[in-house]
Amino acid sequence: MPQEPSDSTLSTFTASDGDNLAVQDWPLPGDQPPRGVVLLVHGLGEHAGRYDHVARRLNDWGFAVRGYDQYGHGESGGVRGALPTRTRLLDDLADLVESSRARVRRGTPLLLLGHSMGGLVAASFVAREMMPVDGLILSSPALATPLTALQKVLLAIVPRIAPNFTVGNGLDAQYISHDPAVVAAYQSDPLVHDRISGRLGRFIADEGAWVISRAGQWTVPTLLMYAGADRLVDPAGSRAFAAAAPRDRVAAQCFDDLYHEIFNEVDPEPVFSRMKAWLDDRW
């Protein structure tokens, strides 16, 4: 039976370079020991608070949840959409993994759940073996992005001459979900922004191809769920990753008719059911 939800808590985490990151925790009620801890990694331009409903569903299934606003996003420090160093997002995730492990009993499974750009960051973190994690859930990861010829030229030039100059990211909010209420909430959210720098754009474009190139050597249990009707990232990236990865390590499912934010669609129950079944099989 689902437990009575506990209040989430907001705190500030100081990253290794001294910048502050906003952290949100969704603990289990009382002294209930968690089946595991899920660390949420959000997408481009958004923030962890948009995953409250996902976190509470995971709470119902016995998992404690932690999320954080990535550098330059939400209530964390940094220029909106900028990237001080190429590895900054990966380094921050390493800090949060280490901190999250220290908060729970030894042996408690720790899983990453990354959406879109956050899925790319989480997948790259796993592929680079920066720190051990017990599982990975990817939601519409940005393993390939649709770019025009002009955008490709700009990504080849701008990161070298003005790496932290930011522009609009070009994402069309109407394609995040078929649910008009989700789109309206996204558009009116003061913590959502549309900025992206040349260095961040270059990171996304390059890192996705690199992660796909590592799929054949994948060792961490992974659930890949992606939207077949996605217009914000190219689902071909997820298909290529799934085709190359060992099937005993990576379970993949395409939701053919869904838009980008598969947890925020008109009927997200098939997505939640698939995730629950995968978690129950392993933990």
Protein backbone atom coordinates (compact mmCIF):
# COMPACT_ATOMS: atom_id res chain seq x y z
CA MET A 1 0.00 0.00 0.00
CA PRO A 2 1.26 3.53 -0.73
CA GLN A 3 2.60 5.35 2.30
CA GLU A 4 1.44 8.77 3.40
CA PRO A 5 3.75 11.16 1.54
CA SER A 6 6.37 12.99 3.56
CA ASP A 7 7.28 16.60 2.89
CA SER A 8 10.23 17.19 0.61
CA THR A 9 13.07 19.27 1.98
CA LEU A 10 15.21 21.91 0.27
CA SER A 11 18.85 22.47 1.12
CA THR A 12 22.03 23.94 -0.32
CA PHE A 13 24.96 21.75 -1.31
CA THR A 14 28.38 23.29 -1.85
CA ALA A 15 30.10 21.69 -4.81
CA SER A 16 33.82 20.95 -4.82
CA ASP A 17 34.58 24.23 -6.60
CA GLY A 18 32.61 26.27 -4.04
CA ASP A 19 29.46 26.97 -6.07
CA ASN A 20 26.11 26.28 -4.42
CA LEU A 21 23.66 23.73 -5.79
CA ALA A 22 20.01 23.55 -4.72
CA VAL A 23 19.11 20.05 -3.50
CA GLN A 24 15.65 18.61 -2.89
CA ASP A 25 15.07 15.42 -0.88
CA TRP A 26 11.97 13.25 -0.82
CA PRO A 27 12.58 10.91 2.15
CA LEU A 28 10.41 7.96 3.12
CA PRO A 29 8.04 8.53 6.04
CA GLY A 30 9.18 7.68 9.55
CA ASP A 31 12.14 5.38 9.95
CA GLN A 32 11.27 3.15 7.00
CA PRO A 33 14.52 1.84 5.43
CA PRO A 34 14.55 2.50 1.67
CA ARG A 35 14.85 -0.21 -0.96
CA GLY A 36 17.27 2.18 -2.60
CA VAL A 37 18.00 5.83 -3.31
CA VAL A 38 17.20 7.42 -6.66
CA LEU A 39 19.15 10.54 -7.65
CA LEU A 40 17.25 12.67 -10.21
CA VAL A 41 19.15 14.56 -12.91
CA HIS A 42 16.91 17.03 -14.76
CA GLY A 43 17.01 18.29 -18.33
CA LEU A 44 18.09 21.46 -20.11
CA GLY A 45 16.52 24.67 -18.84
CA GLU A 46 14.41 23.07 -16.10
CA HIS A 47 14.86 22.08 -12.45
CA ALA A 48 14.40 19.21 -10.00
CA GLY A 49 11.13 20.54 -8.59
CA ARG A 50 9.34 19.53 -11.80
CA TYR A 51 9.85 15.89 -10.78
CA ASP A 52 7.85 16.00 -7.56
CA HIS A 53 5.23 13.59 -8.94
CA VAL A 54 7.93 11.18 -10.11
CA ALA A 55 9.66 11.31 -6.72
CA ARG A 56 6.43 10.64 -4.84
CA ARG A 57 5.66 7.65 -7.05
CA LEU A 58 9.12 6.27 -6.26
CA ASN A 59 8.44 6.94 -2.55
CA ASP A 60 5.28 4.83 -2.87
CA TRP A 61 7.45 2.00 -4.18
CA GLY A 62 9.88 2.26 -1.25
CA PHE A 63 12.66 4.40 -2.74
CA ALA A 64 14.07 7.55 -1.17
CA VAL A 65 14.64 10.25 -3.77
CA ARG A 66 17.05 13.12 -4.12
CA GLY A 67 17.19 15.72 -6.88
CA TYR A 68 19.30 18.78 -7.53
CA ASP A 69 19.31 21.77 -9.83
CA GLN A 70 22.29 21.51 -12.15
CA TYR A 71 24.78 24.35 -12.49
CA GLY A 72 23.17 27.34 -14.21
CA HIS A 73 19.66 25.98 -13.63
CA GLY A 74 16.79 26.45 -11.20
CA GLU A 75 17.88 27.78 -7.83
CA SER A 76 21.52 26.72 -8.18
CA GLY A 77 24.38 29.14 -8.80
CA GLY A 78 25.89 29.96 -12.15
CA VAL A 79 25.00 31.85 -15.30
CA ARG A 80 21.80 30.46 -16.82
CA GLY A 81 22.68 27.90 -19.49
CA ALA A 82 26.44 28.38 -19.20
CA LEU A 83 29.11 25.75 -18.60
CA PRO A 84 32.38 26.91 -16.95
CA THR A 85 34.27 23.74 -17.89
CA ARG A 86 33.40 20.84 -20.12
CA THR A 87 33.16 18.40 -17.22
CA ARG A 88 31.31 20.66 -14.78
CA LEU A 89 27.97 18.82 -14.89
CA LEU A 90 29.73 15.46 -14.52
CA ASP A 91 31.82 16.71 -11.60
CA ASP A 92 28.72 18.01 -9.83
CA LEU A 93 26.99 14.67 -10.28
CA ALA A 94 30.02 12.94 -8.76
CA ASP A 95 29.78 15.24 -5.73
CA LEU A 96 26.08 14.46 -5.32
CA VAL A 97 26.60 10.70 -5.69
CA GLU A 98 29.27 10.78 -3.00
CA SER A 99 27.07 12.89 -0.70
CA SER A 100 24.02 10.70 -1.27
CA ARG A 101 25.95 7.50 -0.51
CA ALA A 102 27.17 9.00 2.76
CA ARG A 103 23.58 9.62 3.91
CA VAL A 104 22.35 6.03 3.75
CA ARG A 105 23.26 2.65 5.21
CA ARG A 106 26.15 0.86 3.52
CA GLY A 107 24.88 -1.49 0.82
CA THR A 108 21.77 0.58 -0.02
CA PRO A 109 21.44 0.61 -3.83
CA LEU A 110 21.93 4.01 -5.48
CA LEU A 111 20.36 4.61 -8.87
CA LEU A 112 20.47 7.55 -11.27
CA LEU A 113 17.36 8.74 -13.12
CA GLY A 114 18.22 11.23 -15.85
CA HIS A 115 15.92 12.99 -18.29
CA SER A 116 16.99 14.54 -21.61
CA MET A 117 20.24 16.46 -21.00
CA GLY A 118 20.22 14.95 -17.50
CA GLY A 119 20.00 11.52 -19.10
CA LEU A 120 23.05 12.35 -21.19
CA VAL A 121 24.94 13.53 -18.10
CA ALA A 122 23.97 10.40 -16.14
CA ALA A 123 24.83 8.07 -19.04
CA SER A 124 28.19 9.76 -19.56
CA PHE A 125 28.90 9.52 -15.83
CA VAL A 126 28.26 5.77 -15.98
CA ALA A 127 30.21 5.26 -19.22
CA ARG A 128 33.22 7.09 -17.77
CA GLU A 129 33.01 4.99 -14.57
CA MET A 130 33.46 8.14 -12.52
CA MET A 131 31.87 6.48 -9.48
CA PRO A 132 30.00 3.20 -9.05
CA VAL A 133 26.20 3.26 -9.15
CA ASP A 134 23.84 0.30 -8.97
CA GLY A 135 21.41 1.21 -11.72
CA LEU A 136 20.49 3.80 -14.34
CA ILE A 137 17.11 4.94 -15.66
CA LEU A 138 17.12 7.08 -18.80
CA SER A 139 14.11 9.13 -19.89
CA SER A 140 14.33 10.49 -23.45
CA PRO A 141 18.11 11.00 -23.10
CA ALA A 142 19.78 13.58 -25.34
CA LEU A 143 22.01 11.06 -27.09
CA ALA A 144 21.32 12.73 -30.45
CA THR A 145 19.96 16.19 -31.16
CA PRO A 146 18.31 17.47 -34.34
CA LEU A 147 20.58 20.25 -35.68
CA THR A 148 20.24 22.44 -38.75
CA ALA A 149 23.24 23.07 -41.00
CA LEU A 150 23.59 26.56 -39.49
CA GLN A 151 23.52 25.22 -35.94
CA LYS A 152 26.27 22.73 -36.80
CA VAL A 153 28.44 25.56 -38.15
CA LEU A 154 27.80 27.68 -35.05
CA LEU A 155 28.68 24.78 -32.73
CA ALA A 156 31.96 24.39 -34.56
CA ILE A 157 32.88 28.07 -34.14
CA VAL A 158 31.18 29.68 -31.12
CA PRO A 159 32.57 27.39 -28.36
CA ARG A 160 36.11 28.40 -29.39
CA ILE A 161 35.60 32.18 -29.50
CA ALA A 162 32.82 32.76 -26.94
CA PRO A 163 32.20 29.54 -24.99
CA ASN A 164 29.88 31.09 -22.39
CA PHE A 165 27.92 33.43 -24.64
CA THR A 166 24.32 32.25 -24.28
CA VAL A 167 21.46 32.24 -26.77
CA GLY A 168 17.94 30.81 -26.85
CA ASN A 169 18.03 27.01 -26.89
CA GLY A 170 15.39 26.78 -29.62
CA LEU A 171 13.25 24.20 -27.79
CA ASP A 172 9.56 24.50 -28.68
CA ALA A 173 7.62 23.99 -25.44
CA GLN A 174 4.50 22.75 -27.24
CA TYR A 175 6.36 19.51 -27.95
CA ILE A 176 7.25 18.61 -24.36
CA SER A 177 3.87 16.94 -23.82
CA HIS A 178 0.46 16.44 -25.44
CA ASP A 179 -1.06 17.78 -22.19
CA PRO A 180 -1.78 21.54 -22.56
CA ALA A 181 -1.69 21.99 -18.77
CA VAL A 182 1.89 20.63 -18.65
CA VAL A 183 2.96 22.99 -21.44
CA ALA A 184 1.31 25.99 -19.75
CA ALA A 185 2.93 25.19 -16.40
CA TYR A 186 6.33 24.87 -18.07
CA GLN A 187 5.94 28.20 -19.88
CA SER A 188 4.89 30.05 -16.71
CA ASP A 189 7.48 28.46 -14.41
CA PRO A 190 9.88 31.21 -13.22
CA LEU A 191 12.65 28.65 -12.66
CA VAL A 192 12.57 27.43 -16.27
CA HIS A 193 14.87 29.22 -18.73
CA ASP A 194 15.68 28.93 -22.43
CA ARG A 195 19.41 29.73 -22.42
CA ILE A 196 22.30 27.66 -23.72
CA SER A 197 25.96 28.53 -24.23
CA GLY A 198 28.26 27.41 -27.00
CA ARG A 199 30.24 25.19 -24.64
CA LEU A 200 27.10 23.51 -23.28
CA GLY A 201 25.76 22.99 -26.80
CA ARG A 202 29.07 21.45 -27.86
CA PHE A 203 29.07 19.17 -24.80
CA ILE A 204 25.58 17.88 -25.62
CA ALA A 205 26.37 17.35 -29.30
CA ASP A 206 29.68 15.55 -28.70
CA GLU A 207 28.90 13.57 -25.56
CA GLY A 208 25.85 11.83 -26.98
CA ALA A 209 27.84 10.30 -29.82
CA TRP A 210 30.57 9.27 -27.36
CA VAL A 211 28.08 7.53 -25.05
CA ILE A 212 26.62 5.61 -28.00
CA SER A 213 30.15 4.52 -28.95
CA ARG A 214 30.52 3.00 -25.46
CA ALA A 215 27.21 1.12 -25.49
CA GLY A 216 28.77 -2.21 -26.42
CA GLN A 217 30.81 -2.24 -23.20
CA TRP A 218 27.89 -1.30 -20.92
CA THR A 219 27.92 -3.01 -17.51
CA VAL A 220 25.46 -1.11 -15.29
CA PRO A 221 21.82 -2.34 -15.25
CA THR A 222 19.94 0.26 -17.28
CA LEU A 223 16.35 0.98 -18.25
CA LEU A 224 16.09 3.16 -21.35
CA MET A 225 12.65 4.67 -22.03
CA TYR A 226 12.20 7.13 -24.86
CA ALA A 227 9.54 8.92 -26.88
CA GLY A 228 9.01 7.83 -30.44
CA ALA A 229 7.36 11.16 -31.38
CA ASP A 230 10.09 13.25 -29.73
CA ARG A 231 10.86 16.52 -31.53
CA LEU A 232 13.27 17.95 -28.94
CA VAL A 233 15.87 15.18 -29.02
CA ASP A 234 16.33 12.67 -31.81
CA PRO A 235 15.02 9.21 -30.77
CA ALA A 236 17.48 7.72 -33.23
CA GLY A 237 20.15 8.23 -30.56
CA SER A 238 18.29 6.01 -28.11
CA ARG A 239 17.63 3.41 -30.81
CA ALA A 240 21.32 3.30 -31.71
CA PHE A 241 22.34 2.95 -28.08
CA ALA A 242 19.81 0.15 -27.47
CA ALA A 243 20.91 -1.72 -30.61
CA ALA A 244 24.57 -1.67 -29.56
CA ALA A 245 24.19 -2.35 -25.82
CA PRO A 246 24.19 -5.84 -24.24
CA ARG A 247 20.59 -6.95 -23.81
CA ASP A 248 21.29 -8.46 -20.41
CA ARG A 249 22.36 -5.02 -19.19
CA VAL A 250 20.10 -2.57 -21.04
CA ALA A 251 16.32 -2.90 -21.27
CA ALA A 252 14.85 -0.46 -23.79
CA GLN A 253 11.31 0.60 -24.59
CA CYS A 254 10.08 3.15 -27.08
CA PHE A 255 6.72 4.78 -26.38
CA ASP A 256 5.82 5.43 -29.99
CA ASP A 257 3.20 8.18 -29.67
CA LEU A 258 4.61 10.16 -26.75
CA TYR A 259 6.34 13.52 -26.80
CA HIS A 260 9.59 14.32 -25.01
CA GLU A 261 8.53 14.39 -21.33
CA ILE A 262 7.25 10.85 -21.03
CA PHE A 263 6.49 11.20 -17.29
CA ASN A 264 4.32 14.25 -18.05
CA GLU A 265 2.17 12.93 -20.86
CA VAL A 266 -1.64 12.76 -20.84
CA ASP A 267 -1.43 9.13 -19.76
CA PRO A 268 1.97 8.43 -18.17
CA GLU A 269 0.84 5.20 -16.48
CA PRO A 270 2.47 2.86 -19.03
CA VAL A 271 5.77 4.65 -18.38
CA PHE A 272 5.47 4.38 -14.61
CA SER A 273 4.39 0.75 -14.88
CA ARG A 274 7.42 -0.12 -17.00
CA MET A 275 9.74 1.58 -14.54
CA LYS A 276 8.15 -0.15 -11.55
CA ALA A 277 8.40 -3.57 -13.19
CA TRP A 278 12.08 -3.02 -13.94
CA LEU A 279 12.81 -1.89 -10.39
CA ASP A 280 10.88 -4.81 -8.91
CA ASP A 281 12.82 -7.27 -11.03
CA ARG A 282 16.12 -6.03 -9.60
CA TRP A 283 15.51 -4.56 -6.16
